[in-house]
C-alpha cells in the first residue's frame, strides 16, 4: 500500500516544479513589461509597412535608408527600456536563474523586433533588406543594453536615440565608418562585425549584472 500510494507523487512533483519555473518566467516578463514592449514592436512593424506602401520616405540613395533606420533603432530603444527592474538590487539575490532570464528576454525581444520589422517589410522594396534589419536592430539594441548597465534601464533609450541622430547624419553625409553601420551596405562585413560586437557586449553585461537600477528609481 505504501509503494502504490507514493508512486504518483513523483510526476506530480515534476509538474509542480515545471509550473513554478513557468510562473517565474512569466513574472519576470511582466516585471520587464514585455507584453507592452511586444505591442510597441508590432506597431513599429505596422507603421514601417505603411511607410513603405505609401512611400513616406525619401526616394533613393542613402536618404532612402533614413526611414527604415528610424524604426530599426526605435525598436532597440524599446528593448533597452525593458531592462529596467522595479525591484532594484534586492532582485539580484533571488536566485541563479536571473542572468538567464535577462539573457532570454533580451534575445527574445531582439528576435521579435527583427521578425516584426521583417514581416512589415515583406513584399515591399526595403532598402538593405532583412540583412540590414538584423544588423541595425542588433547593433542599436547593444548600445541600449550597454547604457542600461551604466545609467539604468529607465533611461537606456537615450543611447539608441542618440545613435539615431548620428546614423541620420551618417546617411546624409555618406560616412564610410563601419561604426555607423546603418549608413553601410547590407553586405559590409566591417559594419556587421561592429554591430555584432556591440550587441554581444551589451547582452553579456546586461545578462550578468543587469541594469543599474535601484528600488527607489
N, C-alpha and C. Protein backbone atom coordinates (compact mmCIF):
# COMPACT_ATOMS: atom_id res chain seq x y z
N UNK A 1 0.83 -1.21 0.00
CA UNK A 1 0.00 0.00 0.00
C UNK A 1 0.86 1.26 0.00
N UNK A 2 1.98 1.22 0.71
CA UNK A 2 2.83 2.40 0.79
C UNK A 2 3.45 2.72 -0.57
N UNK A 3 3.89 1.65 -1.29
CA UNK A 3 4.52 1.85 -2.60
C UNK A 3 3.50 2.38 -3.60
N UNK A 4 2.30 1.79 -3.58
CA UNK A 4 1.27 2.19 -4.52
C UNK A 4 0.83 3.63 -4.29
N UNK A 5 0.78 4.03 -3.04
CA UNK A 5 0.34 5.39 -2.72
C UNK A 5 1.40 6.43 -3.09
N UNK A 6 2.69 6.09 -2.90
CA UNK A 6 3.76 7.06 -3.12
C UNK A 6 4.15 7.22 -4.57
N UNK A 7 3.84 6.28 -5.46
CA UNK A 7 4.30 6.32 -6.84
C UNK A 7 3.83 7.55 -7.60
N UNK A 8 2.55 7.93 -7.51
CA UNK A 8 2.11 9.09 -8.30
C UNK A 8 2.71 10.42 -7.86
N UNK A 9 3.38 10.46 -6.71
CA UNK A 9 3.91 11.72 -6.20
C UNK A 9 5.07 12.24 -7.04
N UNK A 10 5.82 11.33 -7.71
CA UNK A 10 6.98 11.75 -8.48
C UNK A 10 6.60 12.61 -9.69
N UNK A 11 5.69 12.14 -10.58
CA UNK A 11 5.33 13.02 -11.69
C UNK A 11 4.64 14.29 -11.24
N UNK A 12 3.86 14.21 -10.13
CA UNK A 12 3.19 15.41 -9.63
C UNK A 12 4.22 16.44 -9.17
N UNK A 13 5.29 15.98 -8.54
CA UNK A 13 6.34 16.89 -8.09
C UNK A 13 7.05 17.52 -9.29
N UNK A 14 7.25 16.72 -10.35
CA UNK A 14 7.87 17.25 -11.55
C UNK A 14 7.02 18.32 -12.20
N UNK A 15 5.71 18.06 -12.24
CA UNK A 15 4.79 19.05 -12.81
C UNK A 15 4.77 20.33 -11.98
N UNK A 16 4.86 20.17 -10.66
CA UNK A 16 4.88 21.34 -9.78
C UNK A 16 6.10 22.20 -10.03
N UNK A 17 7.26 21.56 -10.19
CA UNK A 17 8.49 22.32 -10.47
C UNK A 17 8.40 23.01 -11.82
N UNK A 18 7.83 22.30 -12.81
CA UNK A 18 7.68 22.90 -14.12
C UNK A 18 6.75 24.11 -14.08
N UNK A 19 5.65 23.98 -13.36
CA UNK A 19 4.72 25.10 -13.23
C UNK A 19 5.38 26.28 -12.52
N UNK A 20 6.18 25.97 -11.50
CA UNK A 20 6.88 27.04 -10.78
C UNK A 20 7.88 27.75 -11.69
N UNK A 21 8.56 26.95 -12.53
CA UNK A 21 9.51 27.55 -13.47
C UNK A 21 8.82 28.45 -14.48
N UNK A 22 7.69 27.99 -15.02
CA UNK A 22 6.93 28.80 -15.98
C UNK A 22 6.40 30.08 -15.32
N UNK A 23 5.97 29.95 -14.06
CA UNK A 23 5.48 31.12 -13.35
C UNK A 23 6.60 32.13 -13.13
N UNK A 24 7.81 31.63 -12.82
CA UNK A 24 8.95 32.52 -12.63
C UNK A 24 9.25 33.29 -13.91
N UNK A 25 9.24 32.57 -15.05
CA UNK A 25 9.49 33.23 -16.34
C UNK A 25 8.42 34.28 -16.61
N UNK A 26 7.15 33.93 -16.37
CA UNK A 26 6.05 34.85 -16.65
C UNK A 26 6.14 36.10 -15.78
N UNK A 27 6.45 35.91 -14.50
CA UNK A 27 6.57 37.06 -13.60
C UNK A 27 7.74 37.96 -14.01
N UNK A 28 8.83 37.34 -14.46
CA UNK A 28 9.97 38.14 -14.93
C UNK A 28 9.56 38.97 -16.15
N UNK A 29 8.85 38.35 -17.10
CA UNK A 29 8.42 39.06 -18.29
C UNK A 29 7.47 40.20 -17.94
N UNK A 30 6.58 39.96 -16.99
CA UNK A 30 5.66 41.02 -16.56
C UNK A 30 6.41 42.16 -15.89
N UNK A 31 7.41 41.83 -15.07
CA UNK A 31 8.15 42.88 -14.37
C UNK A 31 8.94 43.75 -15.35
N UNK A 32 9.28 43.19 -16.51
CA UNK A 32 10.00 43.95 -17.54
C UNK A 32 9.05 44.55 -18.58
N UNK A 33 7.75 44.42 -18.37
CA UNK A 33 6.74 44.97 -19.28
C UNK A 33 6.91 44.46 -20.70
N UNK A 34 7.25 43.18 -20.81
CA UNK A 34 7.48 42.58 -22.13
C UNK A 34 6.21 42.56 -22.98
N UNK A 35 5.01 42.25 -22.43
CA UNK A 35 3.81 42.30 -23.29
C UNK A 35 3.60 43.67 -23.92
N UNK A 36 3.82 44.73 -23.15
CA UNK A 36 3.68 46.09 -23.69
C UNK A 36 4.75 46.34 -24.75
N UNK A 37 5.97 45.86 -24.49
CA UNK A 37 7.05 46.03 -25.46
C UNK A 37 6.73 45.34 -26.77
N UNK A 38 6.14 44.14 -26.70
CA UNK A 38 5.78 43.42 -27.93
C UNK A 38 4.74 44.19 -28.73
N UNK A 39 3.80 44.81 -28.04
CA UNK A 39 2.80 45.63 -28.74
C UNK A 39 3.49 46.80 -29.44
N UNK A 40 4.43 47.44 -28.75
CA UNK A 40 5.16 48.57 -29.34
C UNK A 40 5.96 48.12 -30.55
N UNK A 41 6.58 46.96 -30.47
CA UNK A 41 7.35 46.44 -31.61
C UNK A 41 6.43 46.12 -32.79
N UNK A 42 5.25 45.56 -32.49
CA UNK A 42 4.28 45.27 -33.55
C UNK A 42 3.81 46.56 -34.23
N UNK A 43 3.62 47.61 -33.45
CA UNK A 43 3.21 48.90 -34.02
C UNK A 43 4.31 49.43 -34.94
N UNK A 44 5.56 49.29 -34.53
CA UNK A 44 6.68 49.72 -35.38
C UNK A 44 6.66 48.98 -36.71
N UNK A 45 6.43 47.66 -36.66
CA UNK A 45 6.36 46.88 -37.89
C UNK A 45 5.22 47.31 -38.79
N UNK A 46 4.06 47.60 -38.18
CA UNK A 46 2.88 48.02 -38.95
C UNK A 46 3.10 49.39 -39.59
N UNK A 47 3.67 50.32 -38.83
CA UNK A 47 3.90 51.66 -39.38
C UNK A 47 4.98 51.62 -40.47
N UNK A 48 6.00 50.75 -40.29
CA UNK A 48 7.02 50.59 -41.33
C UNK A 48 6.38 50.12 -42.62
N UNK A 49 5.46 49.17 -42.53
CA UNK A 49 4.78 48.68 -43.73
C UNK A 49 3.98 49.80 -44.40
N UNK A 50 3.26 50.58 -43.59
CA UNK A 50 2.50 51.69 -44.15
C UNK A 50 3.43 52.69 -44.84
N UNK A 51 4.59 52.93 -44.22
CA UNK A 51 5.54 53.88 -44.81
C UNK A 51 6.07 53.37 -46.14
N UNK A 52 6.30 52.06 -46.24
CA UNK A 52 6.81 51.50 -47.48
C UNK A 52 5.73 51.46 -48.57
N UNK A 53 4.50 51.15 -48.17
CA UNK A 53 3.41 51.06 -49.14
C UNK A 53 3.09 52.43 -49.72
N UNK A 54 3.04 53.45 -48.86
CA UNK A 54 2.66 54.78 -49.31
C UNK A 54 3.85 55.70 -49.57
N UNK A 55 5.06 55.13 -49.52
CA UNK A 55 6.27 55.85 -49.91
C UNK A 55 6.43 57.16 -49.14
N UNK A 56 6.46 57.04 -47.82
CA UNK A 56 6.61 58.22 -46.98
C UNK A 56 8.02 58.77 -46.97
N UNK A 57 9.01 57.90 -47.20
CA UNK A 57 10.40 58.32 -47.07
C UNK A 57 10.96 58.90 -48.34
N UNK A 58 12.23 59.39 -48.28
CA UNK A 58 12.92 59.90 -49.47
C UNK A 58 13.05 58.82 -50.53
N UNK A 59 13.25 59.21 -51.74
CA UNK A 59 13.16 58.28 -52.85
C UNK A 59 14.31 57.32 -53.05
N UNK A 60 15.56 57.78 -53.04
CA UNK A 60 16.65 56.91 -53.45
C UNK A 60 17.93 57.26 -52.70
N UNK A 61 18.95 56.42 -52.94
CA UNK A 61 20.25 56.65 -52.32
C UNK A 61 20.22 56.39 -50.82
N UNK A 62 21.23 56.93 -50.14
CA UNK A 62 21.32 56.75 -48.70
C UNK A 62 20.14 57.38 -47.96
N UNK A 63 19.56 58.42 -48.55
CA UNK A 63 18.42 59.08 -47.91
C UNK A 63 17.24 58.13 -47.75
N UNK A 64 17.12 57.16 -48.65
CA UNK A 64 16.03 56.19 -48.57
C UNK A 64 16.14 55.29 -47.36
N UNK A 65 17.34 55.23 -46.75
CA UNK A 65 17.55 54.39 -45.58
C UNK A 65 17.17 55.09 -44.28
N UNK A 66 16.88 56.37 -44.35
CA UNK A 66 16.60 57.13 -43.13
C UNK A 66 15.35 56.62 -42.41
N UNK A 67 14.27 56.40 -43.14
CA UNK A 67 13.03 55.96 -42.51
C UNK A 67 13.16 54.56 -41.91
N UNK A 68 13.69 53.57 -42.65
CA UNK A 68 13.90 52.26 -42.01
C UNK A 68 14.77 52.33 -40.77
N UNK A 69 15.82 53.17 -40.81
CA UNK A 69 16.70 53.30 -39.65
C UNK A 69 15.94 53.83 -38.44
N UNK A 70 14.98 54.71 -38.68
CA UNK A 70 14.18 55.25 -37.58
C UNK A 70 13.44 54.13 -36.84
N UNK A 71 12.84 53.21 -37.58
CA UNK A 71 12.09 52.11 -36.95
C UNK A 71 13.03 51.06 -36.36
N UNK A 72 14.13 50.79 -37.05
CA UNK A 72 15.09 49.79 -36.55
C UNK A 72 15.69 50.22 -35.22
N UNK A 73 16.10 51.47 -35.15
CA UNK A 73 16.70 51.97 -33.91
C UNK A 73 15.63 52.25 -32.87
N UNK A 74 14.42 52.61 -33.32
CA UNK A 74 13.32 52.80 -32.38
C UNK A 74 12.97 51.52 -31.63
N UNK A 75 12.98 50.38 -32.33
CA UNK A 75 12.71 49.11 -31.64
C UNK A 75 13.81 48.80 -30.63
N UNK A 76 15.04 49.21 -30.94
CA UNK A 76 16.14 49.00 -29.99
C UNK A 76 15.91 49.79 -28.71
N UNK A 77 15.35 50.98 -28.83
CA UNK A 77 15.04 51.78 -27.64
C UNK A 77 14.01 51.08 -26.77
N UNK A 78 13.03 50.44 -27.41
CA UNK A 78 12.02 49.67 -26.66
C UNK A 78 12.68 48.52 -25.91
N UNK A 79 13.56 47.82 -26.58
CA UNK A 79 14.26 46.68 -25.95
C UNK A 79 15.09 47.16 -24.76
N UNK A 80 15.76 48.29 -24.93
CA UNK A 80 16.62 48.80 -23.85
C UNK A 80 15.82 49.12 -22.60
N UNK A 81 14.63 49.70 -22.76
CA UNK A 81 13.82 50.09 -21.61
C UNK A 81 13.34 48.88 -20.81
N UNK A 82 13.19 47.73 -21.46
CA UNK A 82 12.71 46.53 -20.75
C UNK A 82 13.74 45.97 -19.78
N UNK A 83 14.95 46.51 -19.80
CA UNK A 83 15.94 46.04 -18.82
C UNK A 83 15.67 46.62 -17.43
N UNK A 84 14.81 47.64 -17.36
CA UNK A 84 14.53 48.26 -16.06
C UNK A 84 13.80 47.30 -15.13
N UNK A 85 14.28 47.20 -13.90
CA UNK A 85 13.65 46.35 -12.89
C UNK A 85 13.03 47.23 -11.80
N UNK A 86 11.76 47.02 -11.47
CA UNK A 86 11.14 47.80 -10.40
C UNK A 86 11.63 47.39 -9.01
N UNK A 87 12.41 46.31 -8.93
CA UNK A 87 12.84 45.80 -7.63
C UNK A 87 14.26 46.19 -7.27
N UNK A 88 15.04 46.65 -8.27
CA UNK A 88 16.38 47.11 -7.99
C UNK A 88 17.31 46.02 -7.47
N UNK A 89 18.20 46.40 -6.57
CA UNK A 89 19.22 45.49 -6.04
C UNK A 89 18.67 44.22 -5.40
N UNK A 90 17.55 44.26 -4.63
CA UNK A 90 17.08 43.03 -3.98
C UNK A 90 16.81 41.89 -4.95
N UNK A 91 16.47 42.21 -6.19
CA UNK A 91 16.19 41.16 -7.16
C UNK A 91 17.40 40.30 -7.44
N UNK A 92 18.58 40.87 -7.30
CA UNK A 92 19.80 40.14 -7.65
C UNK A 92 20.12 39.03 -6.68
N UNK A 93 19.44 39.00 -5.56
CA UNK A 93 19.67 37.95 -4.57
C UNK A 93 18.60 36.85 -4.65
N UNK A 94 17.77 36.87 -5.69
CA UNK A 94 16.65 35.94 -5.74
C UNK A 94 17.01 34.57 -6.27
N UNK A 95 18.15 34.41 -6.90
CA UNK A 95 18.49 33.08 -7.38
C UNK A 95 19.38 33.10 -8.60
N UNK A 96 19.81 31.89 -8.98
CA UNK A 96 20.78 31.76 -10.07
C UNK A 96 20.17 31.87 -11.45
N UNK A 97 18.84 31.92 -11.55
CA UNK A 97 18.21 31.94 -12.87
C UNK A 97 18.10 33.35 -13.44
N UNK A 98 18.33 34.37 -12.64
CA UNK A 98 18.10 35.74 -13.10
C UNK A 98 18.94 36.11 -14.33
N UNK A 99 20.25 35.79 -14.38
CA UNK A 99 21.00 36.11 -15.60
C UNK A 99 20.43 35.45 -16.85
N UNK A 100 19.96 34.20 -16.70
CA UNK A 100 19.38 33.50 -17.86
C UNK A 100 18.06 34.13 -18.28
N UNK A 101 17.29 34.60 -17.31
CA UNK A 101 16.04 35.28 -17.64
C UNK A 101 16.31 36.59 -18.36
N UNK A 102 17.30 37.34 -17.90
CA UNK A 102 17.67 38.57 -18.58
C UNK A 102 18.13 38.28 -20.01
N UNK A 103 18.98 37.28 -20.15
CA UNK A 103 19.51 36.92 -21.47
C UNK A 103 18.38 36.51 -22.41
N UNK A 104 17.50 35.64 -21.93
CA UNK A 104 16.40 35.17 -22.77
C UNK A 104 15.46 36.29 -23.17
N UNK A 105 15.20 37.21 -22.24
CA UNK A 105 14.32 38.33 -22.55
C UNK A 105 14.91 39.24 -23.62
N UNK A 106 16.18 39.58 -23.48
CA UNK A 106 16.83 40.46 -24.45
C UNK A 106 16.93 39.80 -25.83
N UNK A 107 17.32 38.52 -25.84
CA UNK A 107 17.41 37.81 -27.12
C UNK A 107 16.04 37.66 -27.77
N UNK A 108 15.05 37.31 -26.96
CA UNK A 108 13.70 37.12 -27.49
C UNK A 108 13.12 38.40 -28.06
N UNK A 109 13.30 39.51 -27.37
CA UNK A 109 12.78 40.78 -27.87
C UNK A 109 13.52 41.25 -29.11
N UNK A 110 14.83 41.01 -29.16
CA UNK A 110 15.59 41.38 -30.35
C UNK A 110 15.12 40.56 -31.55
N UNK A 111 14.92 39.26 -31.34
CA UNK A 111 14.42 38.42 -32.43
C UNK A 111 13.01 38.84 -32.85
N UNK A 112 12.18 39.21 -31.87
CA UNK A 112 10.82 39.65 -32.17
C UNK A 112 10.85 40.94 -32.98
N UNK A 113 11.73 41.88 -32.61
CA UNK A 113 11.84 43.14 -33.34
C UNK A 113 12.25 42.89 -34.79
N UNK A 114 13.23 42.02 -34.97
CA UNK A 114 13.68 41.71 -36.33
C UNK A 114 12.56 41.04 -37.13
N UNK A 115 11.87 40.08 -36.50
CA UNK A 115 10.80 39.38 -37.18
C UNK A 115 9.63 40.28 -37.54
N UNK A 116 9.24 41.16 -36.64
CA UNK A 116 8.10 42.05 -36.90
C UNK A 116 8.42 43.11 -37.94
N UNK A 117 9.64 43.64 -37.90
CA UNK A 117 10.03 44.59 -38.94
C UNK A 117 10.16 43.88 -40.28
N UNK A 118 10.70 42.66 -40.26
CA UNK A 118 10.80 41.89 -41.49
C UNK A 118 9.43 41.58 -42.07
N UNK A 119 8.48 41.25 -41.20
CA UNK A 119 7.11 40.98 -41.66
C UNK A 119 6.48 42.25 -42.22
N UNK A 120 6.77 43.39 -41.58
CA UNK A 120 6.23 44.65 -42.07
C UNK A 120 6.78 45.03 -43.43
N UNK A 121 8.01 44.61 -43.71
CA UNK A 121 8.64 44.95 -44.98
C UNK A 121 8.43 43.88 -46.04
N UNK A 122 7.79 42.77 -45.69
CA UNK A 122 7.63 41.65 -46.63
C UNK A 122 6.86 42.10 -47.87
N UNK A 123 7.41 41.77 -49.03
CA UNK A 123 6.76 42.11 -50.29
C UNK A 123 6.97 43.53 -50.75
N UNK A 124 7.68 44.32 -49.95
CA UNK A 124 7.95 45.71 -50.32
C UNK A 124 9.44 45.89 -50.55
N UNK A 125 9.80 46.96 -51.21
CA UNK A 125 11.20 47.21 -51.53
C UNK A 125 11.87 47.97 -50.38
N UNK A 126 12.31 47.21 -49.39
CA UNK A 126 13.01 47.82 -48.26
C UNK A 126 14.49 47.94 -48.60
N UNK A 127 15.06 49.14 -48.59
CA UNK A 127 16.50 49.29 -48.86
C UNK A 127 17.32 48.50 -47.85
N UNK A 128 18.20 47.67 -48.36
CA UNK A 128 19.06 46.87 -47.48
C UNK A 128 18.49 45.51 -47.16
N UNK A 129 17.16 45.35 -47.20
CA UNK A 129 16.54 44.06 -46.95
C UNK A 129 16.67 43.59 -45.52
N UNK A 130 16.46 42.30 -45.32
CA UNK A 130 16.45 41.72 -43.98
C UNK A 130 17.82 41.76 -43.32
N UNK A 131 18.89 41.70 -44.12
CA UNK A 131 20.24 41.75 -43.53
C UNK A 131 20.48 43.07 -42.82
N UNK A 132 20.02 44.16 -43.43
CA UNK A 132 20.17 45.47 -42.79
C UNK A 132 19.34 45.55 -41.52
N UNK A 133 18.15 44.96 -41.53
CA UNK A 133 17.31 44.96 -40.32
C UNK A 133 18.01 44.23 -39.18
N UNK A 134 18.54 43.05 -39.47
CA UNK A 134 19.22 42.25 -38.44
C UNK A 134 20.40 43.04 -37.86
N UNK A 135 21.23 43.57 -38.74
CA UNK A 135 22.43 44.29 -38.28
C UNK A 135 22.07 45.54 -37.49
N UNK A 136 21.16 46.35 -38.02
CA UNK A 136 20.85 47.64 -37.40
C UNK A 136 20.11 47.48 -36.08
N UNK A 137 19.15 46.55 -36.02
CA UNK A 137 18.41 46.33 -34.78
C UNK A 137 19.35 45.78 -33.70
N UNK A 138 20.14 44.77 -34.05
CA UNK A 138 21.03 44.15 -33.06
C UNK A 138 22.06 45.16 -32.55
N UNK A 139 22.68 45.90 -33.46
CA UNK A 139 23.69 46.87 -33.04
C UNK A 139 23.13 47.96 -32.15
N UNK A 140 21.98 48.51 -32.54
CA UNK A 140 21.38 49.56 -31.73
C UNK A 140 20.88 49.02 -30.39
N UNK A 141 20.37 47.79 -30.39
CA UNK A 141 19.95 47.17 -29.12
C UNK A 141 21.15 47.01 -28.19
N UNK A 142 22.30 46.65 -28.76
CA UNK A 142 23.51 46.53 -27.96
C UNK A 142 23.89 47.84 -27.30
N UNK A 143 23.73 48.96 -28.03
CA UNK A 143 24.01 50.27 -27.45
C UNK A 143 23.09 50.54 -26.26
N UNK A 144 21.80 50.24 -26.44
CA UNK A 144 20.85 50.45 -25.35
C UNK A 144 21.14 49.58 -24.14
N UNK A 145 21.53 48.33 -24.38
CA UNK A 145 21.82 47.42 -23.28
C UNK A 145 23.08 47.87 -22.52
N UNK A 146 24.07 48.34 -23.26
CA UNK A 146 25.28 48.85 -22.61
C UNK A 146 24.97 50.06 -21.74
N UNK A 147 24.15 50.96 -22.25
CA UNK A 147 23.82 52.16 -21.49
C UNK A 147 22.97 51.82 -20.27
N UNK A 148 22.14 50.77 -20.37
CA UNK A 148 21.34 50.35 -19.23
C UNK A 148 22.23 49.95 -18.05
N UNK A 149 23.37 49.34 -18.37
CA UNK A 149 24.29 48.93 -17.31
C UNK A 149 25.00 50.12 -16.68
N UNK A 150 24.99 51.26 -17.38
CA UNK A 150 25.70 52.45 -16.89
C UNK A 150 24.77 53.41 -16.15
N UNK A 151 23.61 53.71 -16.76
CA UNK A 151 22.72 54.73 -16.17
C UNK A 151 21.36 54.17 -15.77
N UNK A 152 21.10 52.90 -16.03
CA UNK A 152 19.83 52.30 -15.63
C UNK A 152 18.90 52.08 -16.82
N UNK A 153 18.01 51.11 -16.65
CA UNK A 153 17.11 50.75 -17.74
C UNK A 153 16.10 51.81 -18.09
N UNK A 154 15.66 52.59 -17.12
CA UNK A 154 14.63 53.60 -17.37
C UNK A 154 15.10 54.66 -18.34
N UNK A 155 16.40 54.92 -18.39
CA UNK A 155 16.96 55.95 -19.27
C UNK A 155 17.77 55.36 -20.42
N UNK A 156 17.76 54.04 -20.56
CA UNK A 156 18.61 53.39 -21.56
C UNK A 156 18.20 53.72 -22.98
N UNK A 157 16.96 54.19 -23.19
CA UNK A 157 16.51 54.55 -24.53
C UNK A 157 17.31 55.71 -25.11
N UNK A 158 17.96 56.48 -24.24
CA UNK A 158 18.74 57.62 -24.71
C UNK A 158 19.86 57.17 -25.64
N UNK A 159 20.47 56.03 -25.35
CA UNK A 159 21.57 55.52 -26.18
C UNK A 159 21.17 55.30 -27.62
N UNK A 160 20.14 54.46 -27.90
CA UNK A 160 19.71 54.28 -29.29
C UNK A 160 19.24 55.56 -29.95
N UNK A 161 18.54 56.43 -29.20
CA UNK A 161 18.05 57.67 -29.80
C UNK A 161 19.21 58.60 -30.18
N UNK A 162 20.23 58.67 -29.33
CA UNK A 162 21.41 59.47 -29.66
C UNK A 162 22.12 58.89 -30.87
N UNK A 163 22.19 57.57 -30.93
CA UNK A 163 22.82 56.92 -32.08
C UNK A 163 22.00 57.15 -33.35
N UNK A 164 20.67 57.27 -33.21
CA UNK A 164 19.82 57.55 -34.37
C UNK A 164 20.22 58.87 -35.03
N UNK A 165 20.50 59.89 -34.20
CA UNK A 165 20.92 61.18 -34.74
C UNK A 165 22.22 61.02 -35.53
N UNK A 166 23.17 60.27 -34.95
CA UNK A 166 24.44 60.03 -35.64
C UNK A 166 24.21 59.27 -36.93
N UNK A 167 23.33 58.26 -36.88
CA UNK A 167 23.06 57.45 -38.07
C UNK A 167 22.43 58.28 -39.18
N UNK A 168 21.50 59.17 -38.80
CA UNK A 168 20.85 60.01 -39.82
C UNK A 168 21.86 60.92 -40.50
N UNK A 169 22.76 61.50 -39.72
CA UNK A 169 23.81 62.36 -40.30
C UNK A 169 24.72 61.52 -41.19
N UNK A 170 25.07 60.32 -40.72
CA UNK A 170 25.95 59.44 -41.50
C UNK A 170 25.30 59.07 -42.83
N UNK A 171 23.99 58.85 -42.81
CA UNK A 171 23.29 58.52 -44.06
C UNK A 171 23.30 59.68 -45.03
N UNK A 172 23.06 60.89 -44.53
CA UNK A 172 23.02 62.07 -45.40
C UNK A 172 24.41 62.42 -45.93
N UNK A 173 25.44 62.22 -45.08
CA UNK A 173 26.80 62.58 -45.46
C UNK A 173 27.58 61.42 -46.09
N UNK A 174 26.93 60.26 -46.17
CA UNK A 174 27.56 59.06 -46.77
C UNK A 174 28.87 58.70 -46.07
N UNK A 175 28.84 58.68 -44.74
CA UNK A 175 30.02 58.27 -43.98
C UNK A 175 30.37 56.82 -44.29
N UNK A 176 31.64 56.49 -44.19
CA UNK A 176 32.10 55.14 -44.51
C UNK A 176 32.57 54.35 -43.30
N UNK A 177 32.53 54.96 -42.11
CA UNK A 177 32.98 54.25 -40.91
C UNK A 177 32.06 53.05 -40.63
N UNK A 178 32.63 51.88 -40.33
CA UNK A 178 31.79 50.71 -40.02
C UNK A 178 31.00 50.87 -38.73
N UNK A 179 31.41 51.83 -37.88
CA UNK A 179 30.68 52.05 -36.62
C UNK A 179 29.37 52.80 -36.85
N UNK A 180 29.21 53.39 -38.02
CA UNK A 180 27.92 53.95 -38.40
C UNK A 180 27.25 52.97 -39.36
N UNK A 181 26.96 51.78 -38.84
CA UNK A 181 26.50 50.68 -39.70
C UNK A 181 25.20 50.94 -40.45
N UNK A 182 24.25 51.74 -39.96
CA UNK A 182 23.06 51.97 -40.79
C UNK A 182 23.37 52.64 -42.13
N UNK A 183 24.52 53.33 -42.22
CA UNK A 183 24.89 54.01 -43.46
C UNK A 183 25.68 53.11 -44.40
N UNK A 184 25.95 51.89 -44.00
CA UNK A 184 26.77 50.99 -44.80
C UNK A 184 25.88 49.99 -45.55
N UNK A 185 26.35 49.47 -46.68
CA UNK A 185 25.57 48.47 -47.44
C UNK A 185 25.32 47.23 -46.58
N UNK A 186 24.26 46.47 -46.88
CA UNK A 186 23.91 45.32 -46.04
C UNK A 186 24.98 44.22 -46.01
N UNK A 187 25.82 44.13 -47.03
CA UNK A 187 26.85 43.09 -47.07
C UNK A 187 28.21 43.60 -46.60
N UNK A 188 28.26 44.78 -46.00
CA UNK A 188 29.51 45.32 -45.48
C UNK A 188 29.94 44.51 -44.27
N UNK A 189 31.03 43.78 -44.41
CA UNK A 189 31.48 42.89 -43.34
C UNK A 189 31.93 43.66 -42.10
N UNK A 190 32.64 44.75 -42.30
CA UNK A 190 33.11 45.54 -41.16
C UNK A 190 31.97 46.09 -40.33
N UNK A 191 30.93 46.59 -41.01
CA UNK A 191 29.78 47.13 -40.29
C UNK A 191 29.07 46.03 -39.52
N UNK A 192 28.95 44.86 -40.14
CA UNK A 192 28.30 43.73 -39.45
C UNK A 192 29.09 43.30 -38.22
N UNK A 193 30.41 43.30 -38.33
CA UNK A 193 31.25 42.92 -37.18
C UNK A 193 31.11 43.93 -36.05
N UNK A 194 31.11 45.23 -36.38
CA UNK A 194 30.98 46.26 -35.35
C UNK A 194 29.64 46.14 -34.63
N UNK A 195 28.56 45.96 -35.40
CA UNK A 195 27.24 45.82 -34.79
C UNK A 195 27.17 44.57 -33.92
N UNK A 196 27.77 43.47 -34.40
CA UNK A 196 27.75 42.22 -33.64
C UNK A 196 28.54 42.36 -32.34
N UNK A 197 29.67 43.05 -32.38
CA UNK A 197 30.48 43.24 -31.17
C UNK A 197 29.73 44.05 -30.13
N UNK A 198 29.07 45.12 -30.57
CA UNK A 198 28.32 45.96 -29.63
C UNK A 198 27.16 45.17 -29.03
N UNK A 199 26.47 44.39 -29.86
CA UNK A 199 25.35 43.60 -29.35
C UNK A 199 25.83 42.54 -28.37
N UNK A 200 26.92 41.85 -28.71
CA UNK A 200 27.45 40.82 -27.82
C UNK A 200 27.87 41.41 -26.48
N UNK A 201 28.52 42.57 -26.52
CA UNK A 201 28.95 43.21 -25.27
C UNK A 201 27.75 43.64 -24.45
N UNK A 202 26.77 44.25 -25.09
CA UNK A 202 25.60 44.72 -24.36
C UNK A 202 24.79 43.61 -23.73
N UNK A 203 24.57 42.55 -24.49
CA UNK A 203 23.72 41.48 -23.98
C UNK A 203 24.45 40.68 -22.89
N UNK A 204 25.77 40.59 -22.99
CA UNK A 204 26.54 39.87 -21.96
C UNK A 204 26.54 40.65 -20.64
N UNK A 205 26.84 41.93 -20.71
CA UNK A 205 26.89 42.74 -19.50
C UNK A 205 25.52 42.82 -18.84
N UNK A 206 24.48 43.00 -19.65
CA UNK A 206 23.14 43.09 -19.09
C UNK A 206 22.70 41.78 -18.45
N UNK A 207 23.06 40.65 -19.07
CA UNK A 207 22.68 39.36 -18.52
C UNK A 207 23.39 39.09 -17.20
N UNK A 208 24.66 39.45 -17.13
CA UNK A 208 25.45 39.14 -15.95
C UNK A 208 25.11 40.05 -14.77
N UNK A 209 25.07 41.35 -15.01
CA UNK A 209 24.88 42.28 -13.89
C UNK A 209 23.55 43.03 -13.92
N UNK A 210 22.86 43.02 -15.04
CA UNK A 210 21.59 43.71 -15.13
C UNK A 210 21.74 45.21 -15.28
N UNK A 211 20.61 45.88 -15.37
CA UNK A 211 20.64 47.34 -15.48
C UNK A 211 20.99 47.96 -14.13
N UNK A 212 21.51 49.17 -14.18
CA UNK A 212 21.92 49.86 -12.96
C UNK A 212 20.69 50.57 -12.36
N UNK A 213 19.84 49.80 -11.74
CA UNK A 213 18.62 50.31 -11.16
C UNK A 213 18.61 50.02 -9.66
N UNK A 214 17.90 50.86 -8.94
CA UNK A 214 17.67 50.63 -7.51
C UNK A 214 16.18 50.67 -7.25
N UNK A 215 15.78 50.13 -6.13
CA UNK A 215 14.37 50.06 -5.81
C UNK A 215 13.73 51.44 -5.70
N UNK A 216 14.53 52.47 -5.46
CA UNK A 216 13.99 53.81 -5.32
C UNK A 216 13.84 54.56 -6.63
N UNK A 217 14.35 53.99 -7.74
CA UNK A 217 14.27 54.68 -9.03
C UNK A 217 12.84 54.76 -9.53
